[in-house]
N, C-alpha and C. Protein backbone atom coordinates (compact mmCIF):
# COMPACT_ATOMS: atom_id res chain seq x y z
N MET A 1 -34.62 -64.92 -135.34
CA MET A 1 -34.07 -65.78 -134.30
C MET A 1 -33.23 -64.90 -133.37
N THR A 2 -33.50 -64.97 -132.07
CA THR A 2 -32.74 -64.21 -131.07
C THR A 2 -31.77 -65.15 -130.37
N LEU A 3 -30.50 -64.74 -130.31
CA LEU A 3 -29.46 -65.51 -129.63
C LEU A 3 -28.65 -64.58 -128.75
N TYR A 4 -27.84 -65.15 -127.84
CA TYR A 4 -27.07 -64.37 -126.88
C TYR A 4 -25.62 -64.86 -126.86
N ARG A 5 -24.70 -63.92 -126.64
CA ARG A 5 -23.28 -64.29 -126.61
C ARG A 5 -22.58 -63.56 -125.47
N ALA A 6 -21.77 -64.29 -124.72
CA ALA A 6 -20.89 -63.68 -123.72
C ALA A 6 -19.66 -63.17 -124.46
N VAL A 7 -19.33 -61.91 -124.24
CA VAL A 7 -18.17 -61.31 -124.92
C VAL A 7 -17.28 -60.61 -123.91
N SER A 8 -15.99 -60.62 -124.20
CA SER A 8 -15.03 -59.90 -123.36
C SER A 8 -15.20 -58.40 -123.59
N GLU A 9 -14.61 -57.62 -122.71
CA GLU A 9 -14.63 -56.16 -122.89
C GLU A 9 -14.02 -55.78 -124.24
N GLU A 10 -12.94 -56.49 -124.62
CA GLU A 10 -12.27 -56.19 -125.89
C GLU A 10 -13.19 -56.50 -127.08
N GLU A 11 -13.83 -57.66 -127.04
CA GLU A 11 -14.73 -58.00 -128.14
C GLU A 11 -15.93 -57.06 -128.17
N PHE A 12 -16.44 -56.69 -127.00
CA PHE A 12 -17.56 -55.76 -126.93
C PHE A 12 -17.18 -54.41 -127.54
N ALA A 13 -16.02 -53.88 -127.16
CA ALA A 13 -15.59 -52.58 -127.68
C ALA A 13 -15.42 -52.64 -129.20
N ASP A 14 -14.83 -53.71 -129.70
CA ASP A 14 -14.65 -53.86 -131.14
C ASP A 14 -16.00 -53.97 -131.84
N LEU A 15 -16.92 -54.73 -131.27
CA LEU A 15 -18.25 -54.89 -131.84
C LEU A 15 -19.00 -53.56 -131.89
N MET A 16 -18.91 -52.78 -130.82
CA MET A 16 -19.59 -51.49 -130.79
C MET A 16 -18.95 -50.49 -131.75
N ALA A 17 -17.63 -50.56 -131.90
CA ALA A 17 -16.92 -49.63 -132.80
C ALA A 17 -17.14 -49.95 -134.27
N THR A 18 -17.19 -51.25 -134.59
CA THR A 18 -17.26 -51.65 -136.00
C THR A 18 -18.66 -52.06 -136.45
N GLY A 19 -19.48 -52.50 -135.49
CA GLY A 19 -20.81 -52.98 -135.82
C GLY A 19 -20.84 -54.40 -136.37
N VAL A 20 -19.69 -55.08 -136.36
CA VAL A 20 -19.62 -56.45 -136.88
C VAL A 20 -18.80 -57.33 -135.95
N PHE A 21 -19.10 -58.61 -135.97
CA PHE A 21 -18.28 -59.57 -135.26
C PHE A 21 -17.05 -59.86 -136.10
N ARG A 22 -15.90 -59.95 -135.45
CA ARG A 22 -14.66 -60.28 -136.14
C ARG A 22 -13.93 -61.34 -135.33
N CYS A 23 -13.02 -62.05 -136.00
CA CYS A 23 -12.21 -63.07 -135.36
C CYS A 23 -10.75 -62.73 -135.54
N PRO A 24 -9.92 -63.00 -134.54
CA PRO A 24 -8.49 -62.76 -134.69
C PRO A 24 -7.92 -63.59 -135.85
N PRO A 25 -6.93 -63.07 -136.55
CA PRO A 25 -6.31 -63.83 -137.63
C PRO A 25 -5.82 -65.19 -137.14
N GLY A 26 -5.99 -66.19 -137.97
CA GLY A 26 -5.53 -67.53 -137.63
C GLY A 26 -6.49 -68.35 -136.80
N THR A 27 -7.68 -67.81 -136.50
CA THR A 27 -8.68 -68.55 -135.74
C THR A 27 -9.84 -68.91 -136.65
N LEU A 28 -10.64 -69.87 -136.22
CA LEU A 28 -11.85 -70.21 -136.97
C LEU A 28 -12.78 -69.02 -137.00
N GLU A 29 -13.39 -68.78 -138.12
CA GLU A 29 -14.27 -67.63 -138.25
C GLU A 29 -15.71 -67.99 -137.90
N VAL A 30 -15.88 -68.46 -136.65
CA VAL A 30 -17.20 -68.78 -136.12
C VAL A 30 -17.31 -68.24 -134.70
N LYS A 31 -18.53 -68.00 -134.28
CA LYS A 31 -18.83 -67.55 -132.92
C LYS A 31 -19.95 -68.43 -132.37
N TRP A 32 -19.88 -68.71 -131.06
CA TRP A 32 -20.92 -69.49 -130.38
C TRP A 32 -21.94 -68.56 -129.73
N PHE A 33 -23.22 -68.95 -129.81
CA PHE A 33 -24.31 -68.17 -129.25
C PHE A 33 -25.27 -69.08 -128.50
N ALA A 34 -25.73 -68.61 -127.36
CA ALA A 34 -26.71 -69.36 -126.55
C ALA A 34 -28.12 -69.04 -127.03
N GLU A 35 -29.01 -70.01 -126.83
CA GLU A 35 -30.42 -69.78 -127.14
C GLU A 35 -31.11 -68.98 -126.04
N GLU A 36 -30.62 -69.10 -124.82
CA GLU A 36 -31.26 -68.46 -123.66
C GLU A 36 -30.30 -67.48 -123.00
N LEU A 37 -30.83 -66.36 -122.55
CA LEU A 37 -30.03 -65.33 -121.88
C LEU A 37 -29.30 -65.92 -120.67
N GLU A 38 -29.99 -66.71 -119.86
CA GLU A 38 -29.36 -67.23 -118.64
C GLU A 38 -28.17 -68.14 -118.95
N HIS A 39 -28.19 -68.81 -120.09
CA HIS A 39 -27.05 -69.64 -120.47
C HIS A 39 -25.85 -68.78 -120.87
N ALA A 40 -26.09 -67.71 -121.59
CA ALA A 40 -25.00 -66.79 -121.94
C ALA A 40 -24.43 -66.14 -120.68
N GLU A 41 -25.30 -65.83 -119.72
CA GLU A 41 -24.82 -65.27 -118.44
C GLU A 41 -23.96 -66.28 -117.70
N GLU A 42 -24.33 -67.55 -117.77
CA GLU A 42 -23.52 -68.60 -117.13
C GLU A 42 -22.14 -68.68 -117.78
N TRP A 43 -22.09 -68.63 -119.11
CA TRP A 43 -20.79 -68.64 -119.78
C TRP A 43 -19.97 -67.41 -119.41
N ALA A 44 -20.62 -66.26 -119.30
CA ALA A 44 -19.91 -65.04 -118.89
C ALA A 44 -19.29 -65.23 -117.50
N ARG A 45 -20.04 -65.82 -116.56
CA ARG A 45 -19.52 -66.07 -115.22
C ARG A 45 -18.34 -67.04 -115.26
N ARG A 46 -18.47 -68.09 -116.05
CA ARG A 46 -17.38 -69.08 -116.15
C ARG A 46 -16.12 -68.46 -116.75
N PHE A 47 -16.28 -67.69 -117.82
CA PHE A 47 -15.11 -67.06 -118.44
C PHE A 47 -14.45 -66.08 -117.47
N ALA A 48 -15.25 -65.30 -116.75
CA ALA A 48 -14.72 -64.34 -115.79
C ALA A 48 -13.98 -65.05 -114.67
N ALA A 49 -14.53 -66.16 -114.20
CA ALA A 49 -13.87 -66.93 -113.14
C ALA A 49 -12.56 -67.51 -113.63
N ALA A 50 -12.49 -67.86 -114.90
CA ALA A 50 -11.28 -68.48 -115.46
C ALA A 50 -10.16 -67.47 -115.69
N ASP A 51 -10.50 -66.27 -116.12
CA ASP A 51 -9.43 -65.33 -116.46
C ASP A 51 -9.48 -63.99 -115.72
N GLY A 52 -10.48 -63.79 -114.86
CA GLY A 52 -10.56 -62.58 -114.05
C GLY A 52 -10.97 -61.33 -114.82
N LYS A 53 -11.39 -61.48 -116.07
CA LYS A 53 -11.82 -60.34 -116.88
C LYS A 53 -13.33 -60.14 -116.76
N ILE A 54 -13.78 -59.00 -117.22
CA ILE A 54 -15.21 -58.68 -117.23
C ILE A 54 -15.80 -59.16 -118.56
N TYR A 55 -16.97 -59.77 -118.49
CA TYR A 55 -17.68 -60.21 -119.68
C TYR A 55 -19.07 -59.61 -119.70
N ARG A 56 -19.54 -59.27 -120.87
CA ARG A 56 -20.89 -58.76 -121.07
C ARG A 56 -21.65 -59.77 -121.92
N VAL A 57 -22.96 -59.61 -121.97
CA VAL A 57 -23.78 -60.44 -122.84
C VAL A 57 -24.44 -59.54 -123.86
N VAL A 58 -24.32 -59.94 -125.13
CA VAL A 58 -25.00 -59.22 -126.20
C VAL A 58 -26.10 -60.09 -126.77
N GLN A 59 -27.12 -59.41 -127.24
CA GLN A 59 -28.25 -60.07 -127.88
C GLN A 59 -28.13 -59.85 -129.38
N VAL A 60 -28.38 -60.90 -130.16
CA VAL A 60 -28.28 -60.83 -131.60
C VAL A 60 -29.62 -61.24 -132.22
N GLU A 61 -30.11 -60.42 -133.12
CA GLU A 61 -31.31 -60.75 -133.89
C GLU A 61 -30.85 -61.10 -135.29
N LEU A 62 -30.97 -62.37 -135.64
CA LEU A 62 -30.60 -62.82 -136.98
C LEU A 62 -31.74 -62.53 -137.94
N SER A 63 -31.38 -62.04 -139.10
CA SER A 63 -32.40 -61.82 -140.13
C SER A 63 -32.28 -62.92 -141.17
N GLY A 64 -33.35 -63.16 -141.87
CA GLY A 64 -33.32 -64.18 -142.92
C GLY A 64 -33.52 -65.58 -142.39
N VAL A 65 -32.92 -66.54 -143.06
CA VAL A 65 -33.12 -67.95 -142.76
C VAL A 65 -32.33 -68.36 -141.52
N ALA A 66 -32.94 -69.19 -140.69
CA ALA A 66 -32.25 -69.71 -139.51
C ALA A 66 -31.13 -70.65 -139.95
N PRO A 67 -30.07 -70.74 -139.15
CA PRO A 67 -28.97 -71.65 -139.50
C PRO A 67 -29.42 -73.10 -139.49
N PRO A 68 -28.72 -73.97 -140.22
CA PRO A 68 -29.09 -75.39 -140.23
C PRO A 68 -28.89 -76.02 -138.85
N LEU A 69 -29.68 -77.03 -138.56
CA LEU A 69 -29.59 -77.70 -137.27
C LEU A 69 -28.22 -78.33 -137.03
N SER A 70 -27.46 -78.57 -138.08
CA SER A 70 -26.12 -79.12 -137.91
C SER A 70 -25.19 -78.15 -137.19
N GLN A 71 -25.60 -76.90 -137.07
CA GLN A 71 -24.81 -75.89 -136.37
C GLN A 71 -25.26 -75.71 -134.92
N ARG A 72 -26.09 -76.60 -134.43
CA ARG A 72 -26.61 -76.50 -133.07
C ARG A 72 -26.03 -77.61 -132.22
N HIS A 73 -25.64 -77.25 -131.00
CA HIS A 73 -25.17 -78.22 -130.01
C HIS A 73 -26.22 -78.23 -128.91
N ALA A 74 -26.73 -79.41 -128.56
CA ALA A 74 -27.84 -79.52 -127.61
C ALA A 74 -27.51 -79.04 -126.20
N LYS A 75 -26.26 -79.20 -125.76
CA LYS A 75 -25.91 -78.79 -124.39
C LYS A 75 -24.41 -78.49 -124.34
N LEU A 76 -24.02 -77.39 -124.93
CA LEU A 76 -22.62 -77.01 -125.00
C LEU A 76 -22.04 -76.79 -123.60
N ASP A 77 -20.92 -77.41 -123.32
CA ASP A 77 -20.23 -77.31 -122.03
C ASP A 77 -21.12 -77.68 -120.85
N GLY A 78 -22.17 -78.46 -121.10
CA GLY A 78 -23.09 -78.85 -120.04
C GLY A 78 -24.00 -77.73 -119.58
N VAL A 79 -24.01 -76.60 -120.31
CA VAL A 79 -24.80 -75.44 -119.91
C VAL A 79 -26.16 -75.42 -120.58
N GLY A 80 -26.19 -75.44 -121.90
CA GLY A 80 -27.45 -75.36 -122.61
C GLY A 80 -27.25 -75.33 -124.11
N PRO A 81 -28.35 -75.26 -124.85
CA PRO A 81 -28.28 -75.25 -126.31
C PRO A 81 -27.52 -74.03 -126.83
N ALA A 82 -26.71 -74.28 -127.86
CA ALA A 82 -25.92 -73.19 -128.45
C ALA A 82 -25.75 -73.44 -129.94
N TRP A 83 -25.56 -72.36 -130.65
CA TRP A 83 -25.36 -72.39 -132.10
C TRP A 83 -24.00 -71.81 -132.43
N TRP A 84 -23.32 -72.40 -133.42
CA TRP A 84 -22.13 -71.75 -133.95
C TRP A 84 -22.53 -71.12 -135.27
N LEU A 85 -22.12 -69.86 -135.42
CA LEU A 85 -22.46 -69.10 -136.62
C LEU A 85 -21.19 -68.56 -137.26
N THR A 86 -21.16 -68.57 -138.57
CA THR A 86 -20.02 -68.00 -139.29
C THR A 86 -20.16 -66.48 -139.33
N LEU A 87 -19.04 -65.83 -139.59
CA LEU A 87 -19.08 -64.37 -139.71
C LEU A 87 -20.02 -63.96 -140.84
N GLU A 88 -20.05 -64.75 -141.89
CA GLU A 88 -20.95 -64.46 -143.01
C GLU A 88 -22.41 -64.52 -142.57
N GLN A 89 -22.76 -65.51 -141.76
CA GLN A 89 -24.13 -65.63 -141.27
C GLN A 89 -24.49 -64.47 -140.35
N LEU A 90 -23.50 -63.87 -139.72
CA LEU A 90 -23.75 -62.76 -138.79
C LEU A 90 -23.85 -61.41 -139.49
N ASN A 91 -23.49 -61.35 -140.77
CA ASN A 91 -23.60 -60.10 -141.52
C ASN A 91 -25.05 -59.61 -141.50
N GLY A 92 -25.24 -58.37 -141.15
CA GLY A 92 -26.57 -57.78 -141.15
C GLY A 92 -27.39 -58.04 -139.91
N CYS A 93 -26.85 -58.75 -138.93
CA CYS A 93 -27.61 -58.99 -137.71
C CYS A 93 -27.67 -57.70 -136.88
N VAL A 94 -28.67 -57.60 -136.07
CA VAL A 94 -28.82 -56.47 -135.16
C VAL A 94 -28.32 -56.88 -133.80
N VAL A 95 -27.41 -56.08 -133.23
CA VAL A 95 -26.76 -56.43 -131.96
C VAL A 95 -27.09 -55.37 -130.92
N GLY A 96 -27.35 -55.82 -129.70
CA GLY A 96 -27.53 -54.91 -128.58
C GLY A 96 -27.03 -55.55 -127.31
N GLU A 97 -26.58 -54.71 -126.37
CA GLU A 97 -26.11 -55.22 -125.08
C GLU A 97 -27.32 -55.49 -124.20
N VAL A 98 -27.32 -56.64 -123.54
CA VAL A 98 -28.43 -56.96 -122.64
C VAL A 98 -27.99 -57.09 -121.20
N HIS A 99 -26.67 -57.21 -120.96
CA HIS A 99 -26.20 -57.42 -119.61
C HIS A 99 -24.74 -57.06 -119.53
N SER A 100 -24.31 -56.46 -118.43
CA SER A 100 -22.87 -56.19 -118.26
C SER A 100 -22.44 -56.57 -116.87
C-alpha cells in the first residue's frame, strides 16, 4: 500500500536521520497519510499557509497487511481519503521524498 504524508522540515530531517516516524512526547502516537499525492500536496500547502513553514511530501510503502478500514477517513478536512497509522504499523515501511 502506497500512502503520502505532508511533513515539516523538522519532521523530514528527523525521519531522514532516524529512518522512523516519531511523535513528540505527550502526543498521540499516530500519523495521518493521504491515499493520493495531490491530497498530501494540498495539506502541505494548507499547513504552509497557516504557519509560514516549508512542508515536503514523503511517500510510504507499507509492507504486510493493510490497516483496517476503521483507520480510514473518507474525506479528511474536506480534502480526500486519509489513513491514520500507529508508529507500530509504520515500523519497517520504506520512505522516500516525492516533493519538496
